[in-house]
Amino acid sequence: MDIQNTNGKVNSKLEALREKFKKVQAQIGQLEAKDKAKGRREDTRLKILIGAAHLADALQHDETRARVRTVLDRAITAPHDREFLKQKGWL
């Protein structure tokens, strides 16, 4: 086997491996994006559930309502969000 033929085999193997590597990288990227999206969905669901529970309890118990108002006053700083909560009677 001559050197040129050997180099051709090596180059073709390298190209095949590079192509495989690109495909694996793309698959990794897709799986990471899917996992990140799942994490965002779960975080949103958690916020909704906790918020709904606190809201329901606050509507029935004055002490919960007072604690929720304290937390909202401390945690919500964006002017448009504060205004919305004021309009709804929470600040």
N, C-alpha and C. Protein backbone atom coordinates (compact mmCIF):
# COMPACT_ATOMS: atom_id res chain seq x y z
N MET A 1 0.85 -1.17 0.00
CA MET A 1 0.00 0.00 0.00
C MET A 1 0.90 1.23 0.00
N ASP A 2 0.62 2.18 -0.88
CA ASP A 2 1.48 3.36 -0.91
C ASP A 2 1.00 4.42 0.07
N ILE A 3 1.83 5.43 0.28
CA ILE A 3 1.56 6.48 1.27
C ILE A 3 0.29 7.25 0.91
N GLN A 4 0.10 7.53 -0.37
CA GLN A 4 -1.07 8.31 -0.80
C GLN A 4 -2.36 7.55 -0.47
N ASN A 5 -2.39 6.27 -0.71
CA ASN A 5 -3.57 5.46 -0.42
C ASN A 5 -3.84 5.43 1.09
N THR A 6 -2.77 5.31 1.89
CA THR A 6 -2.92 5.31 3.34
C THR A 6 -3.45 6.65 3.82
N ASN A 7 -2.93 7.74 3.28
CA ASN A 7 -3.41 9.08 3.65
C ASN A 7 -4.87 9.25 3.28
N GLY A 8 -5.28 8.70 2.17
CA GLY A 8 -6.67 8.79 1.74
C GLY A 8 -7.59 8.08 2.72
N LYS A 9 -7.16 6.91 3.20
CA LYS A 9 -7.96 6.17 4.18
C LYS A 9 -8.05 6.95 5.49
N VAL A 10 -6.94 7.51 5.92
CA VAL A 10 -6.90 8.28 7.17
C VAL A 10 -7.81 9.50 7.04
N ASN A 11 -7.69 10.19 5.90
CA ASN A 11 -8.51 11.38 5.69
C ASN A 11 -9.99 11.03 5.65
N SER A 12 -10.33 9.94 5.04
CA SER A 12 -11.73 9.56 4.97
C SER A 12 -12.25 9.15 6.34
N LYS A 13 -11.43 8.47 7.14
CA LYS A 13 -11.82 8.12 8.51
C LYS A 13 -12.00 9.39 9.35
N LEU A 14 -11.06 10.33 9.18
CA LEU A 14 -11.17 11.59 9.92
C LEU A 14 -12.46 12.32 9.56
N GLU A 15 -12.76 12.39 8.29
CA GLU A 15 -13.99 13.07 7.85
C GLU A 15 -15.23 12.37 8.41
N ALA A 16 -15.22 11.05 8.40
CA ALA A 16 -16.37 10.30 8.93
C ALA A 16 -16.52 10.57 10.43
N LEU A 17 -15.41 10.59 11.15
CA LEU A 17 -15.46 10.86 12.58
C LEU A 17 -15.89 12.30 12.87
N ARG A 18 -15.42 13.24 12.05
CA ARG A 18 -15.83 14.64 12.23
C ARG A 18 -17.34 14.79 12.00
N GLU A 19 -17.83 14.10 11.01
CA GLU A 19 -19.27 14.15 10.71
C GLU A 19 -20.07 13.54 11.86
N LYS A 20 -19.60 12.42 12.36
CA LYS A 20 -20.25 11.76 13.50
C LYS A 20 -20.22 12.68 14.73
N PHE A 21 -19.09 13.33 14.93
CA PHE A 21 -18.92 14.26 16.05
C PHE A 21 -19.93 15.40 15.95
N LYS A 22 -20.10 15.96 14.76
CA LYS A 22 -21.06 17.04 14.56
C LYS A 22 -22.48 16.58 14.88
N LYS A 23 -22.82 15.37 14.47
CA LYS A 23 -24.16 14.84 14.74
C LYS A 23 -24.37 14.65 16.24
N VAL A 24 -23.35 14.13 16.92
CA VAL A 24 -23.45 13.93 18.36
C VAL A 24 -23.57 15.28 19.08
N GLN A 25 -22.81 16.26 18.64
CA GLN A 25 -22.91 17.60 19.22
C GLN A 25 -24.32 18.16 19.04
N ALA A 26 -24.90 17.97 17.88
CA ALA A 26 -26.25 18.45 17.62
C ALA A 26 -27.25 17.73 18.52
N GLN A 27 -27.09 16.44 18.71
CA GLN A 27 -27.98 15.69 19.59
C GLN A 27 -27.85 16.16 21.04
N ILE A 28 -26.62 16.42 21.46
CA ILE A 28 -26.39 16.93 22.81
C ILE A 28 -27.09 18.28 22.97
N GLY A 29 -26.95 19.14 22.00
CA GLY A 29 -27.59 20.45 22.04
C GLY A 29 -29.11 20.35 22.13
N GLN A 30 -29.68 19.42 21.38
CA GLN A 30 -31.13 19.22 21.41
C GLN A 30 -31.59 18.72 22.78
N LEU A 31 -30.85 17.77 23.33
CA LEU A 31 -31.21 17.23 24.65
C LEU A 31 -31.05 18.28 25.74
N GLU A 32 -29.99 19.09 25.65
CA GLU A 32 -29.81 20.16 26.64
C GLU A 32 -30.94 21.18 26.55
N ALA A 33 -31.34 21.53 25.33
CA ALA A 33 -32.44 22.48 25.15
C ALA A 33 -33.75 21.91 25.69
N LYS A 34 -33.98 20.64 25.43
CA LYS A 34 -35.19 19.98 25.93
C LYS A 34 -35.21 19.97 27.45
N ASP A 35 -34.07 19.66 28.06
CA ASP A 35 -33.96 19.61 29.51
C ASP A 35 -34.17 21.01 30.11
N LYS A 36 -33.61 22.02 29.48
CA LYS A 36 -33.77 23.39 29.95
C LYS A 36 -35.23 23.82 29.86
N ALA A 37 -35.90 23.47 28.77
CA ALA A 37 -37.32 23.81 28.60
C ALA A 37 -38.16 23.11 29.66
N LYS A 38 -37.83 21.86 29.96
CA LYS A 38 -38.55 21.12 31.00
C LYS A 38 -38.37 21.80 32.34
N GLY A 39 -37.17 22.24 32.63
CA GLY A 39 -36.90 22.94 33.88
C GLY A 39 -37.71 24.23 33.99
N ARG A 40 -37.81 24.97 32.88
CA ARG A 40 -38.62 26.21 32.89
C ARG A 40 -40.09 25.89 33.11
N ARG A 41 -40.59 24.84 32.46
CA ARG A 41 -42.00 24.45 32.64
C ARG A 41 -42.27 24.06 34.09
N GLU A 42 -41.35 23.29 34.68
CA GLU A 42 -41.52 22.87 36.06
C GLU A 42 -41.46 24.07 37.02
N ASP A 43 -40.57 25.01 36.75
CA ASP A 43 -40.46 26.21 37.57
C ASP A 43 -41.75 27.02 37.50
N THR A 44 -42.29 27.16 36.30
CA THR A 44 -43.55 27.89 36.12
C THR A 44 -44.69 27.19 36.86
N ARG A 45 -44.76 25.88 36.73
CA ARG A 45 -45.81 25.11 37.41
C ARG A 45 -45.69 25.28 38.93
N LEU A 46 -44.48 25.22 39.44
CA LEU A 46 -44.25 25.40 40.87
C LEU A 46 -44.75 26.76 41.33
N LYS A 47 -44.40 27.80 40.58
CA LYS A 47 -44.84 29.16 40.93
C LYS A 47 -46.36 29.27 40.92
N ILE A 48 -46.99 28.69 39.94
CA ILE A 48 -48.45 28.74 39.85
C ILE A 48 -49.09 28.02 41.03
N LEU A 49 -48.60 26.83 41.33
CA LEU A 49 -49.18 26.05 42.42
C LEU A 49 -49.00 26.74 43.78
N ILE A 50 -47.80 27.21 44.03
CA ILE A 50 -47.55 27.89 45.31
C ILE A 50 -48.36 29.18 45.38
N GLY A 51 -48.38 29.92 44.30
CA GLY A 51 -49.15 31.15 44.27
C GLY A 51 -50.63 30.90 44.47
N ALA A 52 -51.16 29.90 43.82
CA ALA A 52 -52.59 29.57 43.94
C ALA A 52 -52.93 29.15 45.37
N ALA A 53 -52.05 28.37 45.98
CA ALA A 53 -52.29 27.92 47.35
C ALA A 53 -52.29 29.11 48.32
N HIS A 54 -51.31 29.99 48.16
CA HIS A 54 -51.25 31.16 49.03
C HIS A 54 -52.44 32.08 48.80
N LEU A 55 -52.82 32.27 47.57
CA LEU A 55 -53.96 33.12 47.25
C LEU A 55 -55.24 32.56 47.87
N ALA A 56 -55.46 31.27 47.70
CA ALA A 56 -56.66 30.64 48.26
C ALA A 56 -56.67 30.76 49.79
N ASP A 57 -55.54 30.52 50.41
CA ASP A 57 -55.47 30.60 51.86
C ASP A 57 -55.63 32.05 52.34
N ALA A 58 -55.03 32.99 51.60
CA ALA A 58 -55.10 34.40 51.98
C ALA A 58 -56.53 34.93 51.88
N LEU A 59 -57.32 34.38 50.97
CA LEU A 59 -58.70 34.82 50.84
C LEU A 59 -59.56 34.32 51.99
N GLN A 60 -59.09 33.30 52.69
CA GLN A 60 -59.86 32.74 53.81
C GLN A 60 -59.31 33.12 55.18
N HIS A 61 -58.04 33.50 55.25
CA HIS A 61 -57.40 33.77 56.54
C HIS A 61 -56.68 35.12 56.51
N ASP A 62 -57.08 35.99 57.42
CA ASP A 62 -56.49 37.34 57.48
C ASP A 62 -54.99 37.31 57.76
N GLU A 63 -54.56 36.38 58.63
CA GLU A 63 -53.13 36.33 58.97
C GLU A 63 -52.29 35.93 57.77
N THR A 64 -52.81 35.03 56.93
CA THR A 64 -52.08 34.66 55.70
C THR A 64 -52.05 35.85 54.75
N ARG A 65 -53.18 36.54 54.63
CA ARG A 65 -53.25 37.71 53.74
C ARG A 65 -52.21 38.76 54.17
N ALA A 66 -52.09 38.99 55.48
CA ALA A 66 -51.12 39.97 55.97
C ALA A 66 -49.69 39.54 55.65
N ARG A 67 -49.39 38.25 55.83
CA ARG A 67 -48.03 37.75 55.52
C ARG A 67 -47.75 37.85 54.02
N VAL A 68 -48.74 37.52 53.21
CA VAL A 68 -48.55 37.60 51.75
C VAL A 68 -48.30 39.05 51.36
N ARG A 69 -49.05 39.98 51.92
CA ARG A 69 -48.85 41.40 51.61
C ARG A 69 -47.43 41.85 51.99
N THR A 70 -46.96 41.39 53.15
CA THR A 70 -45.61 41.74 53.58
C THR A 70 -44.57 41.22 52.59
N VAL A 71 -44.73 39.99 52.18
CA VAL A 71 -43.79 39.39 51.21
C VAL A 71 -43.87 40.13 49.88
N LEU A 72 -45.07 40.41 49.41
CA LEU A 72 -45.22 41.12 48.13
C LEU A 72 -44.57 42.50 48.20
N ASP A 73 -44.80 43.20 49.31
CA ASP A 73 -44.23 44.55 49.45
C ASP A 73 -42.71 44.50 49.45
N ARG A 74 -42.15 43.45 50.03
CA ARG A 74 -40.70 43.30 50.11
C ARG A 74 -40.10 42.79 48.79
N ALA A 75 -40.81 41.90 48.11
CA ALA A 75 -40.22 41.20 46.97
C ALA A 75 -40.53 41.81 45.60
N ILE A 76 -41.66 42.46 45.47
CA ILE A 76 -42.05 43.00 44.16
C ILE A 76 -41.58 44.44 44.07
N THR A 77 -40.64 44.68 43.16
CA THR A 77 -40.04 46.02 43.06
C THR A 77 -40.34 46.73 41.74
N ALA A 78 -40.72 46.00 40.72
CA ALA A 78 -41.00 46.62 39.42
C ALA A 78 -42.24 47.51 39.54
N PRO A 79 -42.12 48.78 39.15
CA PRO A 79 -43.24 49.71 39.30
C PRO A 79 -44.55 49.23 38.67
N HIS A 80 -44.48 48.66 37.48
CA HIS A 80 -45.72 48.22 36.82
C HIS A 80 -46.36 47.04 37.57
N ASP A 81 -45.55 46.18 38.17
CA ASP A 81 -46.08 45.07 38.96
C ASP A 81 -46.67 45.57 40.27
N ARG A 82 -46.00 46.53 40.90
CA ARG A 82 -46.52 47.10 42.14
C ARG A 82 -47.86 47.80 41.89
N GLU A 83 -47.94 48.51 40.79
CA GLU A 83 -49.19 49.20 40.45
C GLU A 83 -50.32 48.19 40.23
N PHE A 84 -50.03 47.12 39.54
CA PHE A 84 -51.03 46.07 39.31
C PHE A 84 -51.52 45.49 40.63
N LEU A 85 -50.58 45.19 41.53
CA LEU A 85 -50.96 44.63 42.83
C LEU A 85 -51.76 45.63 43.66
N LYS A 86 -51.45 46.90 43.55
CA LYS A 86 -52.22 47.93 44.24
C LYS A 86 -53.66 47.96 43.71
N GLN A 87 -53.78 47.88 42.38
CA GLN A 87 -55.10 47.88 41.76
C GLN A 87 -55.92 46.67 42.23
N LYS A 88 -55.27 45.57 42.47
CA LYS A 88 -55.95 44.35 42.91
C LYS A 88 -56.13 44.27 44.42
N GLY A 89 -55.63 45.30 45.14
CA GLY A 89 -55.81 45.34 46.58
C GLY A 89 -54.79 44.55 47.39
N TRP A 90 -53.65 44.23 46.79
CA TRP A 90 -52.65 43.44 47.50
C TRP A 90 -51.50 44.26 48.04
N LEU A 91 -51.39 45.50 47.64
CA LEU A 91 -50.36 46.40 48.20
C LEU A 91 -51.02 47.68 48.68
